[in-house]
C-alpha atoms as a PDB file:
ATOM      1  CA  MET A   1     -22.226 201.660  52.580  1.00  0.00           C
ATOM      2  CA  GLN A   2     -20.790 204.964  53.787  1.00  0.00           C
ATOM      3  CA  THR A   3     -22.353 208.117  52.359  1.00  0.00           C
ATOM      4  CA  MET A   4     -21.771 211.837  52.907  1.00  0.00           C
ATOM      5  CA  VAL A   5     -25.106 213.512  53.602  1.00  0.00           C
ATOM      6  CA  ILE A   6     -26.776 216.515  55.143  1.00  0.00           C
ATOM      7  CA  ASN A   7     -29.782 216.151  57.439  1.00  0.00           C
ATOM      8  CA  GLN A   8     -30.480 219.877  57.394  1.00  0.00           C
ATOM      9  CA  PHE A   9     -29.294 222.947  55.513  1.00  0.00           C
ATOM     10  CA  GLY A  10     -26.482 224.870  57.120  1.00  0.00           C
ATOM     11  CA  SER A  11     -22.745 225.374  57.450  1.00  0.00           C
ATOM     12  CA  ALA A  12     -20.059 222.844  56.601  1.00  0.00           C
ATOM     13  CA  LYS A  13     -20.660 221.301  60.030  1.00  0.00           C
ATOM     14  CA  ALA A  14     -23.948 219.944  58.639  1.00  0.00           C
ATOM     15  CA  LEU A  15     -21.958 217.360  56.644  1.00  0.00           C
ATOM     16  CA  THR A  16     -22.343 213.894  58.135  1.00  0.00           C
ATOM     17  CA  LEU A  17     -20.814 210.541  57.194  1.00  0.00           C
ATOM     18  CA  THR A  18     -23.487 207.900  57.632  1.00  0.00           C
ATOM     19  CA  GLU A  19     -24.463 204.358  56.669  1.00  0.00           C
ATOM     20  CA  GLN A  20     -27.014 203.996  53.874  1.00  0.00           C
ATOM     21  CA  PRO A  21     -28.325 200.956  51.977  1.00  0.00           C
ATOM     22  CA  GLN A  22     -26.503 200.151  48.752  1.00  0.00           C
ATOM     23  CA  PRO A  23     -28.613 201.515  45.855  1.00  0.00           C
ATOM     24  CA  GLU A  24     -30.574 199.257  43.538  1.00  0.00           C
ATOM     25  CA  ILE A  25     -30.188 199.721  39.788  1.00  0.00           C
ATOM     26  CA  SER A  26     -32.708 199.802  36.957  1.00  0.00           C
ATOM     27  CA  ALA A  27     -32.318 197.995  33.634  1.00  0.00           C
ATOM     28  CA  HIS A  28     -30.539 201.017  32.113  1.00  0.00           C
ATOM     29  CA  GLN A  29     -28.196 201.690  35.021  1.00  0.00           C
ATOM     30  CA  VAL A  30     -24.922 200.379  36.391  1.00  0.00           C
ATOM     31  CA  LEU A  31     -23.702 200.228  39.970  1.00  0.00           C
ATOM     32  CA  VAL A  32     -20.361 201.994  40.357  1.00  0.00           C
ATOM     33  CA  LYS A  33     -17.955 201.383  43.215  1.00  0.00           C
ATOM     34  CA  VAL A  34     -16.649 204.916  43.648  1.00  0.00           C
ATOM     35  CA  HIS A  35     -12.895 205.483  43.825  1.00  0.00           C
ATOM     36  CA  ALA A  36     -13.058 209.291  43.858  1.00  0.00           C
ATOM     37  CA  PHE A  37     -15.517 212.165  43.566  1.00  0.00           C
ATOM     38  CA  SER A  38     -14.981 215.895  43.241  1.00  0.00           C
ATOM     39  CA  ILE A  39     -16.502 218.871  45.022  1.00  0.00           C
ATOM     40  CA  ASP A  40     -18.133 221.748  43.181  1.00  0.00           C
ATOM     41  CA  GLN A  41     -19.888 225.009  43.990  1.00  0.00           C
ATOM     42  CA  LEU A  42     -23.101 223.029  43.478  1.00  0.00           C
ATOM     43  CA  ASP A  43     -22.288 221.118  46.667  1.00  0.00           C
ATOM     44  CA  ILE A  44     -22.131 224.390  48.579  1.00  0.00           C
ATOM     45  CA  GLN A  45     -25.427 225.484  47.050  1.00  0.00           C
ATOM     46  CA  LEU A  46     -27.087 222.180  47.943  1.00  0.00           C
ATOM     47  CA  ARG A  47     -25.776 222.256  51.506  1.00  0.00           C
ATOM     48  CA  THR A  48     -27.008 225.823  52.062  1.00  0.00           C
ATOM     49  CA  GLY A  49     -30.471 225.298  50.570  1.00  0.00           C
ATOM     50  CA  GLN A  50     -29.962 227.265  47.360  1.00  0.00           C
ATOM     51  CA  LEU A  51     -31.161 224.434  45.095  1.00  0.00           C
ATOM     52  CA  LEU A  52     -34.614 223.923  46.576  1.00  0.00           C
ATOM     53  CA  ALA A  53     -36.255 224.727  43.239  1.00  0.00           C
ATOM     54  CA  GLN A  54     -34.479 221.732  41.693  1.00  0.00           C
ATOM     55  CA  ILE A  55     -33.950 219.376  44.649  1.00  0.00           C
ATOM     56  CA  PRO A  56     -36.625 218.989  47.364  1.00  0.00           C
ATOM     57  CA  ALA A  57     -35.459 218.895  50.979  1.00  0.00           C
ATOM     58  CA  ASN A  58     -35.993 215.148  51.368  1.00  0.00           C
ATOM     59  CA  PHE A  59     -33.359 214.553  54.032  1.00  0.00           C
ATOM     60  CA  PRO A  60     -30.932 212.930  54.242  1.00  0.00           C
ATOM     61  CA  LEU A  61     -29.529 214.391  51.020  1.00  0.00           C
ATOM     62  CA  THR A  62     -26.384 212.847  49.565  1.00  0.00           C
ATOM     63  CA  LEU A  63     -23.950 215.311  48.010  1.00  0.00           C
ATOM     64  CA  GLY A  64     -21.856 215.098  44.864  1.00  0.00           C
ATOM     65  CA  TRP A  65     -22.305 215.005  41.099  1.00  0.00           C
ATOM     66  CA  ASP A  66     -18.904 213.994  39.650  1.00  0.00           C
ATOM     67  CA  LEU A  67     -17.416 210.545  40.189  1.00  0.00           C
ATOM     68  CA  ALA A  68     -15.005 207.947  38.889  1.00  0.00           C
ATOM     69  CA  GLY A  69     -14.940 204.285  39.805  1.00  0.00           C
ATOM     70  CA  THR A  70     -15.446 200.685  38.722  1.00  0.00           C
ATOM     71  CA  ILE A  71     -18.656 198.997  37.581  1.00  0.00           C
ATOM     72  CA  VAL A  72     -19.681 196.172  39.928  1.00  0.00           C
ATOM     73  CA  ALA A  73     -23.145 195.444  38.479  1.00  0.00           C
ATOM     74  CA  ALA A  74     -24.994 196.277  35.256  1.00  0.00           C
ATOM     75  CA  GLY A  75     -28.696 196.382  34.399  1.00  0.00           C
ATOM     76  CA  SER A  76     -30.206 193.987  31.871  1.00  0.00           C
ATOM     77  CA  ALA A  77     -30.508 196.686  29.170  1.00  0.00           C
ATOM     78  CA  VAL A  78     -26.920 197.944  29.478  1.00  0.00           C
ATOM     79  CA  THR A  79     -24.903 196.783  26.462  1.00  0.00           C
ATOM     80  CA  ASP A  80     -21.972 199.217  26.171  1.00  0.00           C
ATOM     81  CA  PHE A  81     -20.432 198.678  29.619  1.00  0.00           C
ATOM     82  CA  LEU A  82     -19.364 195.590  31.538  1.00  0.00           C
ATOM     83  CA  VAL A  83     -18.676 194.692  35.142  1.00  0.00           C
ATOM     84  CA  GLY A  84     -15.070 195.617  35.847  1.00  0.00           C
ATOM     85  CA  ASP A  85     -14.966 198.626  33.505  1.00  0.00           C
ATOM     86  CA  ALA A  86     -13.377 201.775  34.928  1.00  0.00           C
ATOM     87  CA  VAL A  87     -15.697 204.721  34.272  1.00  0.00           C
ATOM     88  CA  LEU A  88     -16.498 208.335  35.096  1.00  0.00           C
ATOM     89  CA  ALA A  89     -19.812 210.173  35.107  1.00  0.00           C
ATOM     90  CA  ARG A  90     -21.697 213.350  35.840  1.00  0.00           C
ATOM     91  CA  LEU A  91     -25.011 212.788  37.612  1.00  0.00           C
ATOM     92  CA  PRO A  92     -28.110 214.836  36.675  1.00  0.00           C
ATOM     93  CA  LEU A  93     -28.626 218.038  38.657  1.00  0.00           C
ATOM     94  CA  THR A  94     -31.807 216.734  40.303  1.00  0.00           C
ATOM     95  CA  THR A  95     -30.232 213.482  41.528  1.00  0.00           C
ATOM     96  CA  PRO A  96     -26.914 214.110  43.297  1.00  0.00           C
ATOM     97  CA  GLY A  97     -25.287 211.267  45.191  1.00  0.00           C
ATOM     98  CA  ALA A  98     -21.660 210.863  44.091  1.00  0.00           C
ATOM     99  CA  ALA A  99     -20.348 211.231  47.656  1.00  0.00           C
ATOM    100  CA  ALA A 100     -20.885 207.567  48.471  1.00  0.00           C
ATOM    101  CA  GLU A 101     -19.106 204.240  48.242  1.00  0.00           C
ATOM    102  CA  TYR A 102     -21.594 202.966  45.640  1.00  0.00           C
ATOM    103  CA  VAL A 103     -23.692 204.959  43.152  1.00  0.00           C
ATOM    104  CA  ALA A 104     -26.347 203.952  40.612  1.00  0.00           C
ATOM    105  CA  VAL A 105     -25.592 205.698  37.302  1.00  0.00           C
ATOM    106  CA  ASP A 106     -27.533 205.836  34.035  1.00  0.00           C
ATOM    107  CA  ALA A 107     -25.405 204.174  31.365  1.00  0.00           C
ATOM    108  CA  ALA A 108     -26.035 207.114  29.005  1.00  0.00           C
ATOM    109  CA  ASN A 109     -24.056 209.379  31.358  1.00  0.00           C
ATOM    110  CA  LEU A 110     -20.975 207.146  31.550  1.00  0.00           C
ATOM    111  CA  ALA A 111     -17.603 207.344  29.829  1.00  0.00           C
ATOM    112  CA  TYR A 112     -14.761 204.825  29.914  1.00  0.00           C
ATOM    113  CA  LYS A 113     -11.724 205.846  31.956  1.00  0.00           C
ATOM    114  CA  PRO A 114      -8.476 205.184  30.062  1.00  0.00           C
ATOM    115  CA  ASP A 115      -5.737 203.363  31.967  1.00  0.00           C
ATOM    116  CA  ASN A 116      -3.390 206.364  31.803  1.00  0.00           C
ATOM    117  CA  VAL A 117      -5.890 208.680  33.528  1.00  0.00           C
ATOM    118  CA  ALA A 118      -5.973 208.434  37.328  1.00  0.00           C
ATOM    119  CA  PHE A 119      -9.324 208.034  39.064  1.00  0.00           C
ATOM    120  CA  ARG A 120      -8.774 211.306  40.941  1.00  0.00           C
ATOM    121  CA  THR A 121      -8.189 213.144  37.662  1.00  0.00           C
ATOM    122  CA  ALA A 122     -11.196 211.511  36.026  1.00  0.00           C
ATOM    123  CA  ALA A 123     -13.394 212.520  38.969  1.00  0.00           C
ATOM    124  CA  ALA A 124     -12.338 216.152  38.539  1.00  0.00           C
ATOM    125  CA  LEU A 125     -13.378 216.306  34.884  1.00  0.00           C
ATOM    126  CA  PRO A 126     -17.169 215.859  34.399  1.00  0.00           C
ATOM    127  CA  THR A 127     -18.869 219.099  35.510  1.00  0.00           C
ATOM    128  CA  ALA A 128     -16.037 221.447  34.564  1.00  0.00           C
ATOM    129  CA  GLY A 129     -15.277 219.612  31.335  1.00  0.00           C
ATOM    130  CA  LEU A 130     -18.863 219.289  30.161  1.00  0.00           C
ATOM    131  CA  THR A 131     -19.560 222.938  30.994  1.00  0.00           C
ATOM    132  CA  ALA A 132     -16.515 223.984  28.976  1.00  0.00           C
ATOM    133  CA  TRP A 133     -17.440 221.708  26.063  1.00  0.00           C
ATOM    134  CA  GLN A 134     -21.114 222.631  25.917  1.00  0.00           C
ATOM    135  CA  THR A 135     -20.407 226.367  26.114  1.00  0.00           C
ATOM    136  CA  ILE A 136     -17.358 226.660  23.842  1.00  0.00           C
ATOM    137  CA  VAL A 137     -18.225 224.005  21.256  1.00  0.00           C
ATOM    138  CA  MET A 138     -22.015 223.698  21.316  1.00  0.00           C
ATOM    139  CA  HIS A 139     -23.525 227.030  22.418  1.00  0.00           C
ATOM    140  CA  LEU A 140     -20.898 229.524  21.271  1.00  0.00           C
ATOM    141  CA  ALA A 141     -19.602 227.452  18.332  1.00  0.00           C
ATOM    142  CA  VAL A 142     -16.106 228.930  18.576  1.00  0.00           C
ATOM    143  CA  GLU A 143     -14.234 228.954  15.271  1.00  0.00           C
ATOM    144  CA  ASN A 144     -10.627 229.084  14.124  1.00  0.00           C
ATOM    145  CA  GLU A 145      -8.936 232.517  14.460  1.00  0.00           C
ATOM    146  CA  GLN A 146     -11.747 234.052  16.497  1.00  0.00           C
ATOM    147  CA  HIS A 147     -10.766 236.150  19.517  1.00  0.00           C
ATOM    148  CA  VAL A 148     -12.317 234.597  22.628  1.00  0.00           C
ATOM    149  CA  LEU A 149     -12.568 236.214  26.059  1.00  0.00           C
ATOM    150  CA  ILE A 150     -13.045 233.949  29.070  1.00  0.00           C
ATOM    151  CA  ASN A 151     -14.032 235.700  32.268  1.00  0.00           C
ATOM    152  CA  ASP A 152     -12.697 233.708  35.250  1.00  0.00           C
ATOM    153  CA  PHE A 153      -9.551 231.793  34.398  1.00  0.00           C
ATOM    154  CA  THR A 154      -9.185 230.940  38.091  1.00  0.00           C
ATOM    155  CA  SER A 155     -11.882 228.266  37.796  1.00  0.00           C
ATOM    156  CA  CYS A 156     -11.348 224.739  36.531  1.00  0.00           C
ATOM    157  CA  THR A 157     -14.074 225.359  33.946  1.00  0.00           C
ATOM    158  CA  GLY A 158     -12.374 228.533  32.732  1.00  0.00           C
ATOM    159  CA  GLN A 159      -9.049 226.788  32.242  1.00  0.00           C
ATOM    160  CA  LEU A 160     -10.641 223.874  30.380  1.00  0.00           C
ATOM    161  CA  ALA A 161     -12.683 226.269  28.220  1.00  0.00           C
ATOM    162  CA  ALA A 162      -9.509 228.162  27.314  1.00  0.00           C
ATOM    163  CA  GLN A 163      -7.806 224.919  26.286  1.00  0.00           C
ATOM    164  CA  LEU A 164     -10.755 223.812  24.154  1.00  0.00           C
ATOM    165  CA  ALA A 165     -11.005 227.192  22.419  1.00  0.00           C
ATOM    166  CA  ALA A 166      -7.267 227.223  21.724  1.00  0.00           C
ATOM    167  CA  GLY A 167      -7.489 223.673  20.397  1.00  0.00           C
ATOM    168  CA  ILE A 168     -10.040 224.883  17.849  1.00  0.00           C
ATOM    169  CA  GLY A 169      -7.569 227.559  16.758  1.00  0.00           C
ATOM    170  CA  ALA A 170      -8.990 230.595  18.553  1.00  0.00           C
ATOM    171  CA  GLU A 171      -6.953 233.361  20.154  1.00  0.00           C
ATOM    172  CA  VAL A 172      -7.755 233.225  23.871  1.00  0.00           C
ATOM    173  CA  THR A 173      -7.710 236.081  26.360  1.00  0.00           C
ATOM    174  CA  ALA A 174      -8.650 235.207  29.934  1.00  0.00           C
ATOM    175  CA  ILE A 175      -9.409 237.393  32.938  1.00  0.00           C
ATOM    176  CA  THR A 176      -7.599 236.550  36.165  1.00  0.00           C
ATOM    177  CA  PRO A 177      -6.073 238.471  39.072  1.00  0.00           C
ATOM    178  CA  GLU A 178      -2.930 236.333  38.683  1.00  0.00           C
ATOM    179  CA  THR A 179      -1.726 237.844  35.403  1.00  0.00           C
ATOM    180  CA  THR A 180       1.947 237.003  36.009  1.00  0.00           C
ATOM    181  CA  GLN A 181       1.506 233.217  36.065  1.00  0.00           C
ATOM    182  CA  GLU A 182       2.943 231.207  33.184  1.00  0.00           C
ATOM    183  CA  SER A 183       0.298 230.365  30.614  1.00  0.00           C
ATOM    184  CA  ASP A 184      -0.267 229.585  26.952  1.00  0.00           C
ATOM    185  CA  PHE A 185      -3.008 232.225  26.959  1.00  0.00           C
ATOM    186  CA  ASN A 186      -3.155 236.002  27.180  1.00  0.00           C
ATOM    187  CA  LEU A 187      -3.921 236.540  30.869  1.00  0.00           C
ATOM    188  CA  VAL A 188      -5.180 240.012  31.775  1.00  0.00           C
ATOM    189  CA  ASP A 189      -6.988 241.778  34.583  1.00  0.00           C
ATOM    190  CA  ALA A 190     -10.552 243.000  34.097  1.00  0.00           C
ATOM    191  CA  ALA A 191      -9.537 246.594  33.348  1.00  0.00           C
ATOM    192  CA  THR A 192      -7.177 245.504  30.571  1.00  0.00           C
ATOM    193  CA  ALA A 193      -9.775 243.151  29.109  1.00  0.00           C
ATOM    194  CA  MET A 194     -12.204 246.062  28.762  1.00  0.00           C
ATOM    195  CA  GLN A 195      -9.866 247.780  26.287  1.00  0.00           C
ATOM    196  CA  GLN A 196     -10.475 245.268  23.477  1.00  0.00           C
ATOM    197  CA  GLN A 197     -13.300 243.710  21.511  1.00  0.00           C
ATOM    198  CA  TYR A 198     -13.967 240.013  21.085  1.00  0.00           C
ATOM    199  CA  ASP A 199     -15.758 237.680  18.705  1.00  0.00           C
ATOM    200  CA  VAL A 200     -16.868 235.444  21.573  1.00  0.00           C
ATOM    201  CA  ILE A 201     -17.247 236.048  25.314  1.00  0.00           C
ATOM    202  CA  LEU A 202     -17.768 233.262  27.843  1.00  0.00           C
ATOM    203  CA  ASP A 203     -18.596 234.670  31.271  1.00  0.00           C
ATOM    204  CA  LEU A 204     -18.391 232.211  34.160  1.00  0.00           C
ATOM    205  CA  THR A 205     -18.796 234.722  36.994  1.00  0.00           C
ATOM    206  CA  THR A 206     -21.742 235.744  39.141  1.00  0.00           C
ATOM    207  CA  LYS A 207     -21.300 239.357  37.970  1.00  0.00           C
ATOM    208  CA  PRO A 208     -21.207 239.209  34.153  1.00  0.00           C
ATOM    209  CA  ILE A 209     -19.242 241.833  32.251  1.00  0.00           C
ATOM    210  CA  THR A 210     -20.743 244.104  29.617  1.00  0.00           C
ATOM    211  CA  THR A 211     -21.658 242.817  26.163  1.00  0.00           C
ATOM    212  CA  ASN A 212     -20.350 246.096  24.712  1.00  0.00           C
ATOM    213  CA  LEU A 213     -17.016 244.335  24.259  1.00  0.00           C
ATOM    214  CA  LEU A 214     -18.439 242.189  21.459  1.00  0.00           C
ATOM    215  CA  SER A 215     -17.459 242.785  17.858  1.00  0.00           C
ATOM    216  CA  ALA A 216     -20.133 242.886  15.156  1.00  0.00           C
ATOM    217  CA  ASN A 217     -22.084 239.596  15.130  1.00  0.00           C
ATOM    218  CA  GLY A 218     -20.203 238.494  18.247  1.00  0.00           C
ATOM    219  CA  ARG A 219     -21.562 235.801  20.555  1.00  0.00           C
ATOM    220  CA  TYR A 220     -21.927 236.024  24.335  1.00  0.00           C
ATOM    221  CA  LEU A 221     -22.869 233.506  27.016  1.00  0.00           C
ATOM    222  CA  ALA A 222     -23.108 234.020  30.778  1.00  0.00           C
ATOM    223  CA  THR A 223     -23.373 230.617  32.435  1.00  0.00           C
ATOM    224  CA  GLN A 224     -25.009 232.051  35.560  1.00  0.00           C
ATOM    225  CA  GLU A 225     -27.871 233.439  33.468  1.00  0.00           C
ATOM    226  CA  ASP A 226     -28.402 231.279  30.407  1.00  0.00           C
ATOM    227  CA  PHE A 227     -26.864 227.819  30.676  1.00  0.00           C
ATOM    228  CA  ASN A 228     -27.934 224.453  32.030  1.00  0.00           C
ATOM    229  CA  LEU A 229     -25.460 221.599  31.869  1.00  0.00           C
ATOM    230  CA  VAL A 230     -26.781 218.373  30.351  1.00  0.00           C
ATOM    231  CA  PRO A 231     -24.981 215.149  31.375  1.00  0.00           C
ATOM    232  CA  ASP A 232     -23.808 213.364  28.238  1.00  0.00           C
ATOM    233  CA  GLY A 233     -21.622 210.278  28.180  1.00  0.00           C
ATOM    234  CA  THR A 234     -20.595 210.743  24.543  1.00  0.00           C
ATOM    235  CA  GLU A 235     -19.319 214.276  25.145  1.00  0.00           C
ATOM    236  CA  LEU A 236     -17.618 213.176  28.355  1.00  0.00           C
ATOM    237  CA  GLN A 237     -15.887 210.364  26.454  1.00  0.00           C
ATOM    238  CA  HIS A 238     -14.512 212.862  23.954  1.00  0.00           C
ATOM    239  CA  LEU A 239     -13.163 214.995  26.797  1.00  0.00           C
ATOM    240  CA  VAL A 240     -11.492 212.129  28.640  1.00  0.00           C
ATOM    241  CA  ASP A 241      -9.965 210.929  25.363  1.00  0.00           C
ATOM    242  CA  LEU A 242      -8.433 214.397  24.902  1.00  0.00           C
ATOM    243  CA  LEU A 243      -7.131 214.099  28.451  1.00  0.00           C
ATOM    244  CA  SER A 244      -5.687 210.665  27.743  1.00  0.00           C
ATOM    245  CA  HIS A 245      -3.806 211.994  24.688  1.00  0.00           C
ATOM    246  CA  ASN A 246      -2.407 215.013  26.584  1.00  0.00           C
ATOM    247  CA  LYS A 247      -4.525 217.447  24.580  1.00  0.00           C
ATOM    248  CA  LEU A 248      -6.340 218.611  27.713  1.00  0.00           C
ATOM    249  CA  GLN A 249      -5.121 219.165  31.266  1.00  0.00           C
ATOM    250  CA  VAL A 250      -7.394 219.194  34.321  1.00  0.00           C
ATOM    251  CA  PRO A 251      -6.193 221.577  37.045  1.00  0.00           C
ATOM    252  CA  LEU A 252      -6.198 219.389  40.145  1.00  0.00           C
ATOM    253  CA  GLY A 253      -6.233 220.875  43.611  1.00  0.00           C
ATOM    254  CA  ARG A 254      -6.039 219.014  46.897  1.00  0.00           C
ATOM    255  CA  CYS A 255      -6.961 215.327  47.119  1.00  0.00           C
ATOM    256  CA  LEU A 256      -8.342 214.397  50.526  1.00  0.00           C
ATOM    257  CA  PRO A 257      -9.467 211.101  52.103  1.00  0.00           C
ATOM    258  CA  PHE A 258     -13.145 210.230  52.539  1.00  0.00           C
ATOM    259  CA  SER A 259     -14.053 211.518  56.001  1.00  0.00           C
ATOM    260  CA  GLU A 260     -16.225 214.138  57.673  1.00  0.00           C
ATOM    261  CA  LEU A 261     -13.163 216.223  58.509  1.00  0.00           C
ATOM    262  CA  SER A 262     -11.955 216.170  54.904  1.00  0.00           C
ATOM    263  CA  MET A 263     -15.373 217.140  53.559  1.00  0.00           C
ATOM    264  CA  ILE A 264     -15.764 219.975  56.057  1.00  0.00           C
ATOM    265  CA  THR A 265     -12.257 221.189  55.205  1.00  0.00           C
ATOM    266  CA  ALA A 266     -12.932 221.023  51.462  1.00  0.00           C
ATOM    267  CA  HIS A 267     -16.224 222.913  51.748  1.00  0.00           C
ATOM    268  CA  ARG A 268     -14.633 225.630  53.865  1.00  0.00           C
ATOM    269  CA  LEU A 269     -11.727 226.005  51.440  1.00  0.00           C
ATOM    270  CA  LEU A 270     -14.099 226.277  48.493  1.00  0.00           C
ATOM    271  CA  GLU A 271     -16.347 228.804  50.232  1.00  0.00           C
ATOM    272  CA  ALA A 272     -13.371 230.936  51.236  1.00  0.00           C
ATOM    273  CA  GLY A 273     -11.958 230.907  47.711  1.00  0.00           C
ATOM    274  CA  HIS A 274      -8.731 229.309  48.935  1.00  0.00           C
ATOM    275  CA  THR A 275      -8.552 226.676  46.215  1.00  0.00           C
ATOM    276  CA  GLN A 276      -6.463 226.261  43.102  1.00  0.00           C
ATOM    277  CA  GLY A 277      -7.737 223.451  40.941  1.00  0.00           C
ATOM    278  CA  LYS A 278     -10.503 220.958  41.562  1.00  0.00           C
ATOM    279  CA  LEU A 279     -10.949 219.525  45.056  1.00  0.00           C
ATOM    280  CA  VAL A 280     -11.183 215.734  45.036  1.00  0.00           C
ATOM    281  CA  ILE A 281     -12.141 213.229  47.724  1.00  0.00           C
ATOM    282  CA  GLU A 282     -10.589 209.770  47.353  1.00  0.00           C
ATOM    283  CA  ILE A 283     -12.442 206.771  48.740  1.00  0.00           C
ATOM    284  CA  ILE A 284      -9.932 204.351  47.203  1.00  0.00           C
ATOM    285  CA  ALA A 285      -6.515 205.925  46.596  1.00  0.00           C
ATOM    286  CA  ASP A 286      -4.911 205.447  43.158  1.00  0.00           C
END
């Protein structure tokens, strides 16, 4: 099968499309034929050697954590999924590998893909969606009528977090340089955001803002400092069901074909900050 790997750390030119054996599955895994996978900042960090503490440099390293596809084989202990099911998943941090034609996935990390959700859209959801869910709902426990500040509305995670908070009934203010864009939320620049106080602050940036903006008993979370995403198929299923019922929208960016040139282009766009929405690579076009 074809797989996108790196054989050394380096620039986007280190990305190589190569042939690898099709993975074997354990009793609790399924084999997914991948239709699409998305690209995240984690891919940049892996490619440049920033994840050595979590992922040893056992080259070749296959990239990718988010995928959507069809089950072609299931382990003997898998009871909730069948061959032929359309699914999506987020792989554990320590075992990337979504950038391949076939991927072995733990059944506990899977969610069913509804028919009205495209594979490319499903592939864009897992990391951003689970980060938004686990921060807004689980860690920060946002409540109705609270005032929530989200720092970095430009990211897919920030936009999904804003939607989830608003769905709970919170008032959402989000920091973005593009304050004139149409939005259901109060979009402000950083200077304007500093003039208010908030019940909850979710900071998705590498340079967290001050906690002095919190109201009494307010809650604050900086994902770069105090958050580790946990893959969870049940939570992912809830998110994709919201998507299916038009209660959540995933900001999609460019969708590119599965090739070295496309991967190099996508990595360079992401590194340069020239992306709007999630970058997706399609192996099998919808």
